[in-house]
Amino acid sequence: MAELDKVPSSDAFYAVEPLQREEILTEVKDDVSAWRLIHWEGETNYSFPSGHTIFAAAVAIFWGAILMAEGYGLLASLVVGWASVVAASRLWLGMHWAVDVFASIASPL
């Protein structure tokens, strides 16, 4: 929404009253995906860290290590790729800041 010049920042969007938020979402509905609108309508703020990313990173580390040790490098790469897509989706959806995602990736280590 900030890229569409509807709000100065994401923090500003969540700081406005719910009625104003609804008006902003109505203005941008033709410019963003329906999926993002659903999340923006239901969310009230960002969270630190990203639970989705922590889960994906933990799965990738655990299963990736096992698969690599057993000689399944391609399958391990697919698991890591899946985890990367999960992390990227949190940013793309606008649900988290980059610091949330990077801290989440580092936390299972």
PDB file of N, CA and C in Angstrom:
ATOM      1  N   MET A   1       0.821  -1.185   0.000  1.00  0.00           N
ATOM      2  CA  MET A   1       0.000   0.000   0.000  1.00  0.00           C
ATOM      3  C   MET A   1       0.869   1.254   0.000  1.00  0.00           C
ATOM      4  N   ALA A   2       2.026   1.154   0.639  1.00  0.00           N
ATOM      5  CA  ALA A   2       2.940   2.290   0.630  1.00  0.00           C
ATOM      6  C   ALA A   2       3.461   2.521  -0.791  1.00  0.00           C
ATOM      7  N   GLU A   3       3.697   1.418  -1.525  1.00  0.00           N
ATOM      8  CA  GLU A   3       4.158   1.545  -2.903  1.00  0.00           C
ATOM      9  C   GLU A   3       3.097   2.179  -3.800  1.00  0.00           C
ATOM     10  N   LEU A   4       1.835   2.042  -3.415  1.00  0.00           N
ATOM     11  CA  LEU A   4       0.729   2.636  -4.182  1.00  0.00           C
ATOM     12  C   LEU A   4       0.405   4.046  -3.700  1.00  0.00           C
ATOM     13  N   ASP A   5       1.210   4.562  -2.775  1.00  0.00           N
ATOM     14  CA  ASP A   5       1.031   5.907  -2.203  1.00  0.00           C
ATOM     15  C   ASP A   5      -0.301   6.089  -1.493  1.00  0.00           C
ATOM     16  N   LYS A   6      -0.794   5.019  -0.885  1.00  0.00           N
ATOM     17  CA  LYS A   6      -2.048   5.111  -0.115  1.00  0.00           C
ATOM     18  C   LYS A   6      -1.767   5.396   1.355  1.00  0.00           C
ATOM     19  N   VAL A   7      -0.600   4.965   1.825  1.00  0.00           N
ATOM     20  CA  VAL A   7      -0.153   5.232   3.194  1.00  0.00           C
ATOM     21  C   VAL A   7       1.354   5.469   3.153  1.00  0.00           C
ATOM     22  N   PRO A   8       1.883   6.215   4.119  1.00  0.00           N
ATOM     23  CA  PRO A   8       3.332   6.450   4.113  1.00  0.00           C
ATOM     24  C   PRO A   8       4.153   5.206   4.460  1.00  0.00           C
ATOM     25  N   SER A   9       3.567   4.304   5.270  1.00  0.00           N
ATOM     26  CA  SER A   9       4.273   3.083   5.661  1.00  0.00           C
ATOM     27  C   SER A   9       3.259   2.062   6.158  1.00  0.00           C
ATOM     28  N   SER A  10       3.725   0.830   6.331  1.00  0.00           N
ATOM     29  CA  SER A  10       2.820  -0.198   6.851  1.00  0.00           C
ATOM     30  C   SER A  10       2.423   0.113   8.288  1.00  0.00           C
ATOM     31  N   ASP A  11       3.340   0.687   9.059  1.00  0.00           N
ATOM     32  CA  ASP A  11       2.996   1.069  10.430  1.00  0.00           C
ATOM     33  C   ASP A  11       1.868   2.092  10.443  1.00  0.00           C
ATOM     34  N   ALA A  12       1.902   3.010   9.480  1.00  0.00           N
ATOM     35  CA  ALA A  12       0.847   4.026   9.407  1.00  0.00           C
ATOM     36  C   ALA A  12      -0.501   3.385   9.101  1.00  0.00           C
ATOM     37  N   PHE A  13      -0.501   2.354   8.278  1.00  0.00           N
ATOM     38  CA  PHE A  13      -1.755   1.663   7.961  1.00  0.00           C
ATOM     39  C   PHE A  13      -2.369   1.065   9.215  1.00  0.00           C
ATOM     40  N   TYR A  14      -1.557   0.377  10.011  1.00  0.00           N
ATOM     41  CA  TYR A  14      -2.083  -0.274  11.211  1.00  0.00           C
ATOM     42  C   TYR A  14      -2.388   0.713  12.337  1.00  0.00           C
ATOM     43  N   ALA A  15      -1.886   1.940  12.217  1.00  0.00           N
ATOM     44  CA  ALA A  15      -2.136   2.954  13.246  1.00  0.00           C
ATOM     45  C   ALA A  15      -3.478   3.661  13.053  1.00  0.00           C
ATOM     46  N   VAL A  16      -4.047   3.591  11.855  1.00  0.00           N
ATOM     47  CA  VAL A  16      -5.311   4.297  11.609  1.00  0.00           C
ATOM     48  C   VAL A  16      -6.481   3.508  12.180  1.00  0.00           C
ATOM     49  N   GLU A  17      -7.585   4.186  12.321  1.00  0.00           N
ATOM     50  CA  GLU A  17      -8.804   3.558  12.832  1.00  0.00           C
ATOM     51  C   GLU A  17      -9.290   2.483  11.849  1.00  0.00           C
ATOM     52  N   PRO A  18     -10.003   1.470  12.344  1.00  0.00           N
ATOM     53  CA  PRO A  18     -10.487   0.388  11.469  1.00  0.00           C
ATOM     54  C   PRO A  18     -11.312   0.880  10.279  1.00  0.00           C
ATOM     55  N   LEU A  19     -12.109   1.915  10.453  1.00  0.00           N
ATOM     56  CA  LEU A  19     -12.916   2.431   9.343  1.00  0.00           C
ATOM     57  C   LEU A  19     -12.024   3.019   8.251  1.00  0.00           C
ATOM     58  N   GLN A  20     -10.978   3.740   8.648  1.00  0.00           N
ATOM     59  CA  GLN A  20     -10.037   4.290   7.671  1.00  0.00           C
ATOM     60  C   GLN A  20      -9.277   3.165   6.964  1.00  0.00           C
ATOM     61  N   ARG A  21      -8.925   2.132   7.716  1.00  0.00           N
ATOM     62  CA  ARG A  21      -8.241   0.975   7.130  1.00  0.00           C
ATOM     63  C   ARG A  21      -9.106   0.339   6.048  1.00  0.00           C
ATOM     64  N   GLU A  22     -10.383   0.219   6.337  1.00  0.00           N
ATOM     65  CA  GLU A  22     -11.320  -0.361   5.383  1.00  0.00           C
ATOM     66  C   GLU A  22     -11.401   0.477   4.109  1.00  0.00           C
ATOM     67  N   GLU A  23     -11.395   1.802   4.260  1.00  0.00           N
ATOM     68  CA  GLU A  23     -11.427   2.706   3.097  1.00  0.00           C
ATOM     69  C   GLU A  23     -10.171   2.547   2.249  1.00  0.00           C
ATOM     70  N   ILE A  24      -9.025   2.425   2.898  1.00  0.00           N
ATOM     71  CA  ILE A  24      -7.764   2.252   2.166  1.00  0.00           C
ATOM     72  C   ILE A  24      -7.782   0.932   1.402  1.00  0.00           C
ATOM     73  N   LEU A  25      -8.258  -0.124   2.048  1.00  0.00           N
ATOM     74  CA  LEU A  25      -8.326  -1.421   1.380  1.00  0.00           C
ATOM     75  C   LEU A  25      -9.267  -1.389   0.185  1.00  0.00           C
ATOM     76  N   THR A  26     -10.353  -0.648   0.287  1.00  0.00           N
ATOM     77  CA  THR A  26     -11.284  -0.507  -0.829  1.00  0.00           C
ATOM     78  C   THR A  26     -10.597   0.183  -1.999  1.00  0.00           C
ATOM     79  N   GLU A  27      -9.768   1.176  -1.701  1.00  0.00           N
ATOM     80  CA  GLU A  27      -9.057   1.916  -2.750  1.00  0.00           C
ATOM     81  C   GLU A  27      -8.038   1.054  -3.494  1.00  0.00           C
ATOM     82  N   VAL A  28      -7.398   0.116  -2.785  1.00  0.00           N
ATOM     83  CA  VAL A  28      -6.327  -0.669  -3.411  1.00  0.00           C
ATOM     84  C   VAL A  28      -6.770  -2.033  -3.920  1.00  0.00           C
ATOM     85  N   LYS A  29      -8.040  -2.374  -3.754  1.00  0.00           N
ATOM     86  CA  LYS A  29      -8.481  -3.737  -4.071  1.00  0.00           C
ATOM     87  C   LYS A  29      -8.244  -4.149  -5.513  1.00  0.00           C
ATOM     88  N   ASP A  30      -8.217  -3.200  -6.434  1.00  0.00           N
ATOM     89  CA  ASP A  30      -7.990  -3.545  -7.845  1.00  0.00           C
ATOM     90  C   ASP A  30      -6.498  -3.618  -8.186  1.00  0.00           C
ATOM     91  N   ASP A  31      -5.652  -3.167  -7.267  1.00  0.00           N
ATOM     92  CA  ASP A  31      -4.216  -3.105  -7.535  1.00  0.00           C
ATOM     93  C   ASP A  31      -3.396  -4.192  -6.846  1.00  0.00           C
ATOM     94  N   VAL A  32      -4.019  -4.951  -5.947  1.00  0.00           N
ATOM     95  CA  VAL A  32      -3.301  -6.010  -5.232  1.00  0.00           C
ATOM     96  C   VAL A  32      -4.116  -7.301  -5.295  1.00  0.00           C
ATOM     97  N   SER A  33      -3.456  -8.397  -4.977  1.00  0.00           N
ATOM     98  CA  SER A  33      -4.139  -9.693  -5.037  1.00  0.00           C
ATOM     99  C   SER A  33      -5.162  -9.821  -3.912  1.00  0.00           C
ATOM    100  N   ALA A  34      -6.172 -10.608  -4.166  1.00  0.00           N
ATOM    101  CA  ALA A  34      -7.217 -10.842  -3.160  1.00  0.00           C
ATOM    102  C   ALA A  34      -6.619 -11.483  -1.914  1.00  0.00           C
ATOM    103  N   TRP A  35      -5.593 -12.316  -2.099  1.00  0.00           N
ATOM    104  CA  TRP A  35      -4.951 -12.981  -0.976  1.00  0.00           C
ATOM    105  C   TRP A  35      -4.358 -11.968   0.000  1.00  0.00           C
ATOM    106  N   ARG A  36      -3.681 -10.948  -0.543  1.00  0.00           N
ATOM    107  CA  ARG A  36      -3.107  -9.914   0.329  1.00  0.00           C
ATOM    108  C   ARG A  36      -4.201  -9.144   1.051  1.00  0.00           C
ATOM    109  N   LEU A  37      -5.277  -8.852   0.367  1.00  0.00           N
ATOM    110  CA  LEU A  37      -6.371  -8.112   1.005  1.00  0.00           C
ATOM    111  C   LEU A  37      -6.931  -8.866   2.207  1.00  0.00           C
ATOM    112  N   ILE A  38      -7.090 -10.166   2.043  1.00  0.00           N
ATOM    113  CA  ILE A  38      -7.615 -10.979   3.147  1.00  0.00           C
ATOM    114  C   ILE A  38      -6.698 -10.867   4.364  1.00  0.00           C
ATOM    115  N   HIS A  39      -5.408 -10.936   4.139  1.00  0.00           N
ATOM    116  CA  HIS A  39      -4.469 -10.842   5.255  1.00  0.00           C
ATOM    117  C   HIS A  39      -4.459  -9.447   5.861  1.00  0.00           C
ATOM    118  N   TRP A  40      -4.479  -8.435   5.028  1.00  0.00           N
ATOM    119  CA  TRP A  40      -4.459  -7.063   5.550  1.00  0.00           C
ATOM    120  C   TRP A  40      -5.725  -6.747   6.341  1.00  0.00           C
ATOM    121  N   GLU A  41      -6.842  -7.332   5.938  1.00  0.00           N
ATOM    122  CA  GLU A  41      -8.086  -7.094   6.663  1.00  0.00           C
ATOM    123  C   GLU A  41      -8.057  -7.725   8.043  1.00  0.00           C
ATOM    124  N   GLY A  42      -7.481  -8.916   8.148  1.00  0.00           N
ATOM    125  CA  GLY A  42      -7.537  -9.662   9.394  1.00  0.00           C
ATOM    126  C   GLY A  42      -6.394  -9.402  10.353  1.00  0.00           C
ATOM    127  N   GLU A  43      -5.298  -8.876   9.860  1.00  0.00           N
ATOM    128  CA  GLU A  43      -4.135  -8.681  10.720  1.00  0.00           C
ATOM    129  C   GLU A  43      -4.162  -7.304  11.364  1.00  0.00           C
ATOM    130  N   THR A  44      -3.598  -7.251  12.557  1.00  0.00           N
ATOM    131  CA  THR A  44      -3.544  -5.970  13.245  1.00  0.00           C
ATOM    132  C   THR A  44      -2.130  -5.449  13.394  1.00  0.00           C
ATOM    133  N   ASN A  45      -1.141  -6.303  13.177  1.00  0.00           N
ATOM    134  CA  ASN A  45       0.236  -5.859  13.307  1.00  0.00           C
ATOM    135  C   ASN A  45       1.165  -6.980  12.843  1.00  0.00           C
ATOM    136  N   TYR A  46       2.424  -6.646  12.683  1.00  0.00           N
ATOM    137  CA  TYR A  46       3.426  -7.645  12.347  1.00  0.00           C
ATOM    138  C   TYR A  46       3.848  -8.366  13.617  1.00  0.00           C
ATOM    139  N   SER A  47       4.438  -9.514  13.463  1.00  0.00           N
ATOM    140  CA  SER A  47       4.895 -10.230  14.651  1.00  0.00           C
ATOM    141  C   SER A  47       6.356 -10.610  14.502  1.00  0.00           C
ATOM    142  N   PHE A  48       7.018 -10.657  15.619  1.00  0.00           N
ATOM    143  CA  PHE A  48       8.425 -11.052  15.656  1.00  0.00           C
ATOM    144  C   PHE A  48       8.543 -12.208  16.608  1.00  0.00           C
ATOM    145  N   PRO A  49       9.110 -13.268  16.223  1.00  0.00           N
ATOM    146  CA  PRO A  49       9.565 -13.677  14.892  1.00  0.00           C
ATOM    147  C   PRO A  49       8.433 -14.324  14.104  1.00  0.00           C
ATOM    148  N   SER A  50       8.736 -14.761  12.910  1.00  0.00           N
ATOM    149  CA  SER A  50       7.750 -15.422  12.063  1.00  0.00           C
ATOM    150  C   SER A  50       7.671 -16.906  12.411  1.00  0.00           C
ATOM    151  N   GLY A  51       6.546 -17.306  12.954  1.00  0.00           N
ATOM    152  CA  GLY A  51       6.349 -18.711  13.315  1.00  0.00           C
ATOM    153  C   GLY A  51       6.400 -19.636  12.116  1.00  0.00           C
ATOM    154  N   HIS A  52       5.830 -19.203  10.993  1.00  0.00           N
ATOM    155  CA  HIS A  52       5.870 -20.017   9.783  1.00  0.00           C
ATOM    156  C   HIS A  52       7.324 -20.276   9.361  1.00  0.00           C
ATOM    157  N   THR A  53       8.146 -19.225   9.419  1.00  0.00           N
ATOM    158  CA  THR A  53       9.532 -19.355   8.984  1.00  0.00           C
ATOM    159  C   THR A  53      10.348 -20.200   9.957  1.00  0.00           C
ATOM    160  N   ILE A  54      10.089 -20.059  11.260  1.00  0.00           N
ATOM    161  CA  ILE A  54      10.791 -20.893  12.236  1.00  0.00           C
ATOM    162  C   ILE A  54      10.496 -22.370  11.954  1.00  0.00           C
ATOM    163  N   PHE A  55       9.222 -22.677  11.750  1.00  0.00           N
ATOM    164  CA  PHE A  55       8.842 -24.060  11.468  1.00  0.00           C
ATOM    165  C   PHE A  55       9.534 -24.566  10.200  1.00  0.00           C
ATOM    166  N   ALA A  56       9.471 -23.780   9.130  1.00  0.00           N
ATOM    167  CA  ALA A  56      10.068 -24.201   7.857  1.00  0.00           C
ATOM    168  C   ALA A  56      11.578 -24.378   7.992  1.00  0.00           C
ATOM    169  N   ALA A  57      12.240 -23.465   8.704  1.00  0.00           N
ATOM    170  CA  ALA A  57      13.691 -23.580   8.884  1.00  0.00           C
ATOM    171  C   ALA A  57      14.044 -24.812   9.710  1.00  0.00           C
ATOM    172  N   ALA A  58      13.280 -25.073  10.756  1.00  0.00           N
ATOM    173  CA  ALA A  58      13.548 -26.249  11.594  1.00  0.00           C
ATOM    174  C   ALA A  58      13.364 -27.541  10.801  1.00  0.00           C
ATOM    175  N   VAL A  59      12.298 -27.595  10.011  1.00  0.00           N
ATOM    176  CA  VAL A  59      12.059 -28.771   9.169  1.00  0.00           C
ATOM    177  C   VAL A  59      13.192 -28.941   8.163  1.00  0.00           C
ATOM    178  N   ALA A  60      13.596 -27.832   7.533  1.00  0.00           N
ATOM    179  CA  ALA A  60      14.658 -27.901   6.522  1.00  0.00           C
ATOM    180  C   ALA A  60      15.981 -28.351   7.137  1.00  0.00           C
ATOM    181  N   ILE A  61      16.289 -27.847   8.326  1.00  0.00           N
ATOM    182  CA  ILE A  61      17.543 -28.239   8.975  1.00  0.00           C
ATOM    183  C   ILE A  61      17.495 -29.710   9.385  1.00  0.00           C
ATOM    184  N   PHE A  62      16.415 -30.113  10.015  1.00  0.00           N
ATOM    185  CA  PHE A  62      16.299 -31.493  10.498  1.00  0.00           C
ATOM    186  C   PHE A  62      16.293 -32.488   9.340  1.00  0.00           C
ATOM    187  N   TRP A  63      15.316 -32.341   8.458  1.00  0.00           N
ATOM    188  CA  TRP A  63      15.197 -33.295   7.358  1.00  0.00           C
ATOM    189  C   TRP A  63      16.307 -33.125   6.327  1.00  0.00           C
ATOM    190  N   GLY A  64      16.759 -31.896   6.123  1.00  0.00           N
ATOM    191  CA  GLY A  64      17.861 -31.678   5.189  1.00  0.00           C
ATOM    192  C   GLY A  64      19.115 -32.408   5.618  1.00  0.00           C
ATOM    193  N   ALA A  65      19.418 -32.343   6.922  1.00  0.00           N
ATOM    194  CA  ALA A  65      20.605 -33.032   7.435  1.00  0.00           C
ATOM    195  C   ALA A  65      20.463 -34.548   7.292  1.00  0.00           C
ATOM    196  N   ILE A  66      19.302 -35.060   7.633  1.00  0.00           N
ATOM    197  CA  ILE A  66      19.082 -36.508   7.510  1.00  0.00           C
ATOM    198  C   ILE A  66      19.178 -36.950   6.051  1.00  0.00           C
ATOM    199  N   LEU A  67      18.516 -36.219   5.181  1.00  0.00           N
ATOM    200  CA  LEU A  67      18.523 -36.585   3.765  1.00  0.00           C
ATOM    201  C   LEU A  67      19.928 -36.491   3.170  1.00  0.00           C
ATOM    202  N   MET A  68      20.684 -35.459   3.557  1.00  0.00           N
ATOM    203  CA  MET A  68      22.056 -35.329   3.054  1.00  0.00           C
ATOM    204  C   MET A  68      22.929 -36.479   3.560  1.00  0.00           C
ATOM    205  N   ALA A  69      22.765 -36.841   4.834  1.00  0.00           N
ATOM    206  CA  ALA A  69      23.563 -37.932   5.409  1.00  0.00           C
ATOM    207  C   ALA A  69      23.259 -39.262   4.735  1.00  0.00           C
ATOM    208  N   GLU A  70      22.033 -39.417   4.262  1.00  0.00           N
ATOM    209  CA  GLU A  70      21.638 -40.664   3.597  1.00  0.00           C
ATOM    210  C   GLU A  70      21.907 -40.634   2.090  1.00  0.00           C
ATOM    211  N   GLY A  71      22.431 -39.509   1.602  1.00  0.00           N
ATOM    212  CA  GLY A  71      22.790 -39.420   0.194  1.00  0.00           C
ATOM    213  C   GLY A  71      21.687 -38.929  -0.725  1.00  0.00           C
ATOM    214  N   TYR A  72      20.651 -38.325  -0.164  1.00  0.00           N
ATOM    215  CA  TYR A  72      19.549 -37.798  -0.965  1.00  0.00           C
ATOM    216  C   TYR A  72      19.673 -36.283  -1.110  1.00  0.00           C
ATOM    217  N   GLY A  73      20.723 -35.850  -1.777  1.00  0.00           N
ATOM    218  CA  GLY A  73      21.005 -34.423  -1.930  1.00  0.00           C
ATOM    219  C   GLY A  73      19.916 -33.657  -2.654  1.00  0.00           C
ATOM    220  N   LEU A  74      19.356 -34.257  -3.696  1.00  0.00           N
ATOM    221  CA  LEU A  74      18.308 -33.573  -4.459  1.00  0.00           C
ATOM    222  C   LEU A  74      17.063 -33.355  -3.600  1.00  0.00           C
ATOM    223  N   LEU A  75      16.673 -34.363  -2.870  1.00  0.00           N
ATOM    224  CA  LEU A  75      15.511 -34.239  -1.999  1.00  0.00           C
ATOM    225  C   LEU A  75      15.767 -33.216  -0.889  1.00  0.00           C
ATOM    226  N   ALA A  76      16.984 -33.211  -0.353  1.00  0.00           N
ATOM    227  CA  ALA A  76      17.349 -32.219   0.664  1.00  0.00           C
ATOM    228  C   ALA A  76      17.259 -30.815   0.081  1.00  0.00           C
ATOM    229  N   SER A  77      17.692 -30.655  -1.156  1.00  0.00           N
ATOM    230  CA  SER A  77      17.609 -29.348  -1.822  1.00  0.00           C
ATOM    231  C   SER A  77      16.163 -28.907  -2.003  1.00  0.00           C
ATOM    232  N   LEU A  78      15.294 -29.848  -2.298  1.00  0.00           N
ATOM    233  CA  LEU A  78      13.872 -29.520  -2.434  1.00  0.00           C
ATOM    234  C   LEU A  78      13.270 -29.060  -1.109  1.00  0.00           C
ATOM    235  N   VAL A  79      13.670 -29.697  -0.014  1.00  0.00           N
ATOM    236  CA  VAL A  79      13.179 -29.301   1.309  1.00  0.00           C
ATOM    237  C   VAL A  79      13.655 -27.882   1.639  1.00  0.00           C
ATOM    238  N   VAL A  80      14.914 -27.603   1.361  1.00  0.00           N
ATOM    239  CA  VAL A  80      15.454 -26.260   1.604  1.00  0.00           C
ATOM    240  C   VAL A  80      14.768 -25.247   0.691  1.00  0.00           C
ATOM    241  N   GLY A  81      14.498 -25.611  -0.545  1.00  0.00           N
ATOM    242  CA  GLY A  81      13.780 -24.735  -1.460  1.00  0.00           C
ATOM    243  C   GLY A  81      12.383 -24.412  -0.966  1.00  0.00           C
ATOM    244  N   TRP A  82      11.679 -25.441  -0.458  1.00  0.00           N
ATOM    245  CA  TRP A  82      10.346 -25.230   0.115  1.00  0.00           C
ATOM    246  C   TRP A  82      10.413 -24.243   1.280  1.00  0.00           C
ATOM    247  N   ALA A  83      11.384 -24.425   2.156  1.00  0.00           N
ATOM    248  CA  ALA A  83      11.524 -23.535   3.314  1.00  0.00           C
ATOM    249  C   ALA A  83      11.813 -22.101   2.862  1.00  0.00           C
ATOM    250  N   SER A  84      12.593 -21.962   1.811  1.00  0.00           N
ATOM    251  CA  SER A  84      12.889 -20.626   1.279  1.00  0.00           C
ATOM    252  C   SER A  84      11.637 -19.950   0.731  1.00  0.00           C
ATOM    253  N   VAL A  85      10.792 -20.729   0.072  1.00  0.00           N
ATOM    254  CA  VAL A  85       9.537 -20.186  -0.459  1.00  0.00           C
ATOM    255  C   VAL A  85       8.616 -19.760   0.685  1.00  0.00           C
ATOM    256  N   VAL A  86       8.582 -20.537   1.748  1.00  0.00           N
ATOM    257  CA  VAL A  86       7.770 -20.166   2.914  1.00  0.00           C
ATOM    258  C   VAL A  86       8.249 -18.829   3.466  1.00  0.00           C
ATOM    259  N   ALA A  87       9.556 -18.683   3.653  1.00  0.00           N
ATOM    260  CA  ALA A  87      10.116 -17.437   4.192  1.00  0.00           C
ATOM    261  C   ALA A  87       9.820 -16.259   3.262  1.00  0.00           C
ATOM    262  N   ALA A  88      10.006 -16.463   1.966  1.00  0.00           N
ATOM    263  CA  ALA A  88       9.745 -15.390   1.004  1.00  0.00           C
ATOM    264  C   ALA A  88       8.269 -15.007   0.973  1.00  0.00           C
ATOM    265  N   SER A  89       7.397 -15.985   1.173  1.00  0.00           N
ATOM    266  CA  SER A  89       5.964 -15.690   1.136  1.00  0.00           C
ATOM    267  C   SER A  89       5.545 -14.777   2.280  1.00  0.00           C
ATOM    268  N   ARG A  90       6.215 -14.878   3.430  1.00  0.00           N
ATOM    269  CA  ARG A  90       5.883 -14.020   4.571  1.00  0.00           C
ATOM    270  C   ARG A  90       6.179 -12.566   4.237  1.00  0.00           C
ATOM    271  N   LEU A  91       7.259 -12.349   3.477  1.00  0.00           N
ATOM    272  CA  LEU A  91       7.590 -10.988   3.048  1.00  0.00           C
ATOM    273  C   LEU A  91       6.651 -10.530   1.941  1.00  0.00           C
ATOM    274  N   TRP A  92       6.411 -11.400   0.966  1.00  0.00           N
ATOM    275  CA  TRP A  92       5.561 -11.044  -0.175  1.00  0.00           C
ATOM    276  C   TRP A  92       4.149 -10.692   0.273  1.00  0.00           C
ATOM    277  N   LEU A  93       3.633 -11.447   1.232  1.00  0.00           N
ATOM    278  CA  LEU A  93       2.286 -11.166   1.731  1.00  0.00           C
ATOM    279  C   LEU A  93       2.231  -9.912   2.593  1.00  0.00           C
ATOM    280  N   GLY A  94       3.380  -9.410   2.966  1.00  0.00           N
ATOM    281  CA  GLY A  94       3.415  -8.223   3.806  1.00  0.00           C
ATOM    282  C   GLY A  94       3.113  -8.522   5.264  1.00  0.00           C
ATOM    283  N   MET A  95       3.306  -9.773   5.675  1.00  0.00           N
ATOM    284  CA  MET A  95       2.979 -10.165   7.040  1.00  0.00           C
ATOM    285  C   MET A  95       4.141  -9.931   8.007  1.00  0.00           C
ATOM    286  N   HIS A  96       5.354  -9.831   7.485  1.00  0.00           N
ATOM    287  CA  HIS A  96       6.536  -9.681   8.338  1.00  0.00           C
ATOM    288  C   HIS A  96       7.548  -8.749   7.700  1.00  0.00           C
ATOM    289  N   TRP A  97       8.392  -8.192   8.556  1.00  0.00           N
ATOM    290  CA  TRP A  97       9.555  -7.437   8.116  1.00  0.00           C
ATOM    291  C   TRP A  97      10.662  -8.444   7.817  1.00  0.00           C
ATOM    292  N   ALA A  98      11.664  -8.013   7.074  1.00  0.00           N
ATOM    293  CA  ALA A  98      12.794  -8.890   6.754  1.00  0.00           C
ATOM    294  C   ALA A  98      13.506  -9.354   8.022  1.00  0.00           C
ATOM    295  N   VAL A  99      13.628  -8.482   9.012  1.00  0.00           N
ATOM    296  CA  VAL A  99      14.302  -8.861  10.261  1.00  0.00           C
ATOM    297  C   VAL A  99      13.546  -9.995  10.963  1.00  0.00           C
ATOM    298  N   ASP A 100      12.215 -10.020  10.871  1.00  0.00           N
ATOM    299  CA  ASP A 100      11.435 -11.104  11.459  1.00  0.00           C
ATOM    300  C   ASP A 100      11.822 -12.436  10.823  1.00  0.00           C
ATOM    301  N   VAL A 101      11.907 -12.419   9.510  1.00  0.00           N
ATOM    302  CA  VAL A 101      12.192 -13.648   8.764  1.00  0.00           C
ATOM    303  C   VAL A 101      13.633 -14.109   9.005  1.00  0.00           C
ATOM    304  N   PHE A 102      14.587 -13.183   8.947  1.00  0.00           N
ATOM    305  CA  PHE A 102      15.992 -13.575   9.152  1.00  0.00           C
ATOM    306  C   PHE A 102      16.233 -14.067  10.574  1.00  0.00           C
ATOM    307  N   ALA A 103      15.624 -13.439  11.548  1.00  0.00           N
ATOM    308  CA  ALA A 103      15.761 -13.905  12.936  1.00  0.00           C
ATOM    309  C   ALA A 103      15.122 -15.295  13.089  1.00  0.00           C
ATOM    310  N   SER A 104      14.049 -15.527  12.390  1.00  0.00           N
ATOM    311  CA  SER A 104      13.386 -16.822  12.449  1.00  0.00           C
ATOM    312  C   SER A 104      14.229 -17.923  11.826  1.00  0.00           C
ATOM    313  N   ILE A 105      14.921 -17.591  10.755  1.00  0.00           N
ATOM    314  CA  ILE A 105      15.796 -18.575  10.110  1.00  0.00           C
ATOM    315  C   ILE A 105      16.963 -18.920  11.036  1.00  0.00           C
ATOM    316  N   ALA A 106      17.483 -17.931  11.738  1.00  0.00           N
ATOM    317  CA  ALA A 106      18.625 -18.142  12.623  1.00  0.00           C
ATOM    318  C   ALA A 106      18.251 -18.842  13.921  1.00  0.00           C
ATOM    319  N   SER A 107      17.013 -18.743  14.338  1.00  0.00           N
ATOM    320  CA  SER A 107      16.647 -19.267  15.664  1.00  0.00           C
ATOM    321  C   SER A 107      16.778 -20.797  15.798  1.00  0.00           C
ATOM    322  N   PRO A 108      16.465 -21.609  14.783  1.00  0.00           N
ATOM    323  CA  PRO A 108      16.656 -23.059  14.978  1.00  0.00           C
ATOM    324  C   PRO A 108      18.129 -23.473  14.996  1.00  0.00           C
ATOM    325  N   LEU A 109      19.010 -22.591  14.541  1.00  0.00           N
ATOM    326  CA  LEU A 109      20.430 -22.945  14.505  1.00  0.00           C
ATOM    327  C   LEU A 109      20.944 -22.929  15.906  1.00  0.00           C
TER     328      LEU A 109
END
